[in-house]
Protein backbone atom coordinates (compact mmCIF):
# COMPACT_ATOMS: atom_id res chain seq x y z
CA MET A 1 12.03 9.82 -1.82
CA ILE A 2 9.25 8.60 -0.05
CA MET A 3 5.76 8.75 -1.91
CA GLU A 4 3.39 11.16 -1.28
CA ILE A 5 -0.01 10.01 0.38
CA THR A 6 -2.88 12.84 0.03
CA TYR A 7 -3.59 12.45 3.73
CA ARG A 8 -0.19 12.86 5.18
CA ASN A 9 -1.09 16.03 7.21
CA GLU A 10 -3.94 14.55 8.76
CA LEU A 11 -1.76 11.07 9.57
CA LYS A 12 0.25 13.10 11.31
CA SER A 13 -2.06 14.69 13.36
CA LEU A 14 -3.79 11.59 14.37
CA GLN A 15 -1.12 9.93 15.23
CA SER A 16 -0.01 13.22 17.53
CA TRP A 17 -2.86 12.93 19.01
CA ILE A 18 -3.16 9.31 19.59
CA ASP A 19 0.44 9.61 21.06
CA ASN A 20 -0.97 12.44 23.86
CA VAL A 21 -3.94 10.31 24.31
CA ASN A 22 -2.20 7.28 24.78
CA ARG A 23 0.29 9.06 27.38
CA SER A 24 -2.91 10.44 28.94
CA LEU A 25 -4.47 6.79 29.85
CA LEU A 26 -1.12 5.76 31.88
CA TYR A 27 -2.56 8.55 34.38
CA TYR A 28 -6.11 8.97 34.27
CA ARG A 29 -9.05 6.22 34.24
CA GLU A 30 -11.12 8.60 31.78
CA VAL A 31 -9.96 11.00 29.02
CA MET A 32 -11.99 14.27 27.91
CA ILE A 33 -11.37 16.65 25.30
CA ASP A 34 -14.08 19.19 24.36
CA VAL A 35 -16.34 18.46 21.43
CA VAL A 36 -14.03 20.55 19.09
CA SER A 37 -11.03 18.49 19.70
CA ALA A 38 -13.20 15.19 18.82
CA ASN A 39 -14.60 17.15 15.60
CA ALA A 40 -11.51 17.58 14.52
CA ILE A 41 -10.32 14.45 15.27
CA CYS A 42 -13.08 12.15 13.64
CA TYR A 43 -12.43 14.78 10.23
CA ASP A 44 -9.39 13.58 10.29
CA ILE A 45 -9.91 10.07 10.34
CA SER A 46 -12.73 10.12 7.68
CA ILE A 47 -9.61 11.86 5.31
CA ILE A 48 -7.32 8.90 6.17
CA GLN A 49 -10.48 6.70 5.86
CA ASP A 50 -10.74 8.19 1.81
CA GLY A 51 -7.41 8.09 1.36
CA ILE A 52 -6.79 4.51 2.16
CA ARG A 53 -9.92 3.10 0.77
CA ASN A 54 -7.85 1.47 -2.00
CA GLU A 55 -4.42 0.84 -0.27
CA TYR A 56 -6.16 -0.67 2.88
CA PRO A 57 -9.77 -1.70 2.31
CA PHE A 58 -10.20 -3.61 5.67
CA TYR A 59 -8.74 -0.81 7.04
CA ALA A 60 -10.70 1.73 5.32
CA GLU A 61 -14.57 -0.07 6.53
CA LYS A 62 -13.55 -0.36 10.10
CA LEU A 63 -12.65 3.73 10.44
CA LYS A 64 -16.01 4.21 9.16
CA TYR A 65 -17.50 3.07 11.99
CA ILE A 66 -14.88 4.49 14.74
CA PRO A 67 -15.81 8.21 14.95
CA GLY A 68 -19.76 6.65 16.01
CA ASN A 69 -17.93 4.54 19.11
CA LEU A 70 -14.49 6.46 19.71
CA PHE A 71 -16.45 9.23 21.94
CA MET A 72 -18.80 9.04 24.58
CA ASN A 73 -21.49 12.20 25.75
CA SER A 74 -20.11 13.22 29.49
CA ILE A 75 -22.05 14.88 31.78
CA TYR A 76 -19.52 17.94 31.87
CA GLY A 77 -19.76 18.62 28.35
CA ASN A 78 -16.74 17.46 27.03
CA VAL A 79 -16.27 13.66 25.70
CA ILE A 80 -14.85 10.38 26.89
CA ILE A 81 -13.01 8.27 24.43
CA ASN A 82 -13.56 4.59 24.46
CA ARG A 83 -10.91 2.45 25.05
CA ALA A 84 -11.62 -0.06 23.05
CA ALA A 85 -12.29 2.18 19.74
CA PHE A 86 -9.27 4.12 20.74
CA GLY A 87 -7.22 1.13 20.58
CA GLU A 88 -8.58 -0.38 17.48
CA LEU A 89 -7.65 3.27 16.35
CA PHE A 90 -4.70 3.19 17.76
CA VAL A 91 -3.25 0.18 15.38
CA ILE A 92 -4.92 1.04 12.20
CA VAL A 93 -2.83 4.08 12.69
CA GLN A 94 0.69 2.45 13.24
CA HIS A 95 0.44 0.22 10.78
CA ILE A 96 -1.07 2.99 8.09
CA GLY A 97 1.73 5.22 9.38
CA ARG A 98 4.50 2.48 9.28
CA GLU A 99 3.23 1.51 6.02
CA PRO A 100 1.87 3.99 4.02
CA VAL A 101 2.84 2.89 0.50
CA ASN A 102 0.22 0.77 -1.60
CA MET A 103 2.44 -2.31 -0.50
CA ALA A 104 -1.40 -4.82 -1.64
CA ILE A 105 -0.43 -4.36 -5.07
CA TRP A 106 2.36 -6.47 -4.63
CA ASN A 107 -0.51 -9.64 -4.67
CA GLU A 108 -0.87 -9.20 -8.27
CA ILE A 109 2.68 -9.16 -9.28
CA HIS A 110 4.37 -12.33 -10.09
CA PRO A 111 6.80 -13.85 -6.91
CA CYS A 112 9.88 -13.61 -9.13
CA ILE A 113 10.02 -10.21 -9.52
CA ALA A 114 8.33 -9.36 -5.82
CA ILE A 115 11.44 -11.21 -4.31
CA VAL A 116 13.56 -8.90 -5.88
CA SER A 117 12.28 -5.45 -5.58
CA GLN A 118 9.31 -5.69 -3.15
CA GLU A 119 11.82 -4.13 -0.08
CA LEU A 120 13.82 -1.97 -2.14
CA PHE A 121 10.08 -0.35 -3.02
CA ARG A 122 9.14 -0.63 0.50
CA ASN A 123 12.19 1.70 1.53
CA GLY A 124 11.48 4.08 -1.24
CA TYR A 125 14.26 3.06 -3.59
CA TYR A 126 11.81 3.15 -6.60
CA ASP A 127 14.84 3.47 -9.29
CA SER A 128 16.44 0.20 -7.76
CA ALA A 129 13.01 -1.59 -7.93
CA ALA A 130 12.43 -0.57 -10.91
CA GLU A 131 15.83 -2.12 -12.25
CA LYS A 132 15.69 -5.18 -10.35
CA ALA A 133 12.26 -5.93 -11.56
CA VAL A 134 12.95 -5.30 -15.56
CA LYS A 135 16.29 -7.69 -14.96
CA GLU A 136 14.34 -9.63 -13.53
CA VAL A 137 11.93 -10.17 -16.70
CA GLU A 138 14.86 -10.27 -18.95
CA SER A 139 16.20 -12.90 -17.14
CA ARG A 140 13.07 -14.78 -17.11
CA LEU A 141 12.83 -14.17 -20.89
CA ARG A 142 16.14 -15.42 -21.74
CA LYS A 143 15.12 -18.82 -19.74
CA LEU A 144 12.57 -18.71 -21.81
CA PHE A 145 13.77 -18.61 -25.31
CA GLN A 146 16.39 -21.32 -24.13
CA GLN A 147 13.93 -23.91 -23.48
CA LEU A 148 11.71 -22.75 -26.32
CA LYS A 149 14.38 -22.94 -29.07
CA PRO A 150 17.34 -24.67 -27.20
CA GLY A 151 19.38 -25.23 -30.39
CA ALA A 152 19.60 -21.19 -31.40
CA GLY A 153 22.01 -18.31 -29.92
CA VAL A 154 20.30 -16.77 -27.06
CA PRO A 155 19.83 -12.76 -28.40
CA THR A 156 22.14 -10.51 -26.74
CA LYS A 157 19.63 -7.55 -26.97
CA VAL A 158 15.88 -8.12 -24.86
CA THR A 159 14.23 -6.61 -27.60
CA ASP A 160 15.12 -9.24 -29.83
CA ILE A 161 14.54 -12.16 -27.52
CA ILE A 162 11.43 -10.89 -26.92
CA GLY A 163 10.81 -10.14 -31.05
CA ALA A 164 11.92 -14.13 -32.04
CA LEU A 165 9.65 -15.01 -29.11
CA LEU A 166 6.81 -13.16 -30.48
CA SER A 167 7.74 -13.48 -34.48
CA GLU A 168 5.88 -15.79 -36.76
CA ASN A 169 7.48 -18.77 -36.02
CA GLY A 170 8.00 -17.94 -32.08
CA ALA A 171 6.87 -19.45 -29.33
CA TYR A 172 3.67 -16.90 -28.62
CA GLN A 173 1.14 -15.59 -31.05
CA PHE A 174 -1.01 -12.96 -30.49
CA ALA A 175 -2.83 -12.16 -33.51
CA ASP A 176 -3.68 -14.62 -36.39
CA LEU A 177 -1.09 -13.42 -39.41
CA THR A 178 -3.00 -15.46 -42.18
CA THR A 179 -5.58 -13.44 -42.90
CA ALA A 180 -5.20 -9.54 -43.56
CA SER A 181 -6.74 -6.65 -40.45
């Protein structure tokens, strides 16, 4: 089960076009395409650029300018592909195509959780990643309980551990319990 992305069709279309152009560049010094096809490519790029804004802000910013540089006018009524802009597009699309799920969120997740579940998540095993993350949190709570209450036995249920840590005499308090709310 892979996380669905809104720009999947445009990405697939753009990847196919890039593969065709890349093959053509092996044999021809310049690659020309018609204006209608160029406009369709620009449209696909804009859809992808909008879709990756939160996942890959750097790439989204770069993709904003690529359509303006990717095609150069020709005297024959077609457009010529700018190799430099094409190369930049090639790298961006290859990366997005291989890692289409928002992995930037892992920068915000505690390293202990990321170690046990990030790779599972990346490979589409979301349920296993969530289970590993929850078990890691539970393990960390048990360690905290042992550190903060060394003489007490560790409760078997995680809800009891949380309750003990957050109780009136617990290690953490989130509200002033001395006054009525």
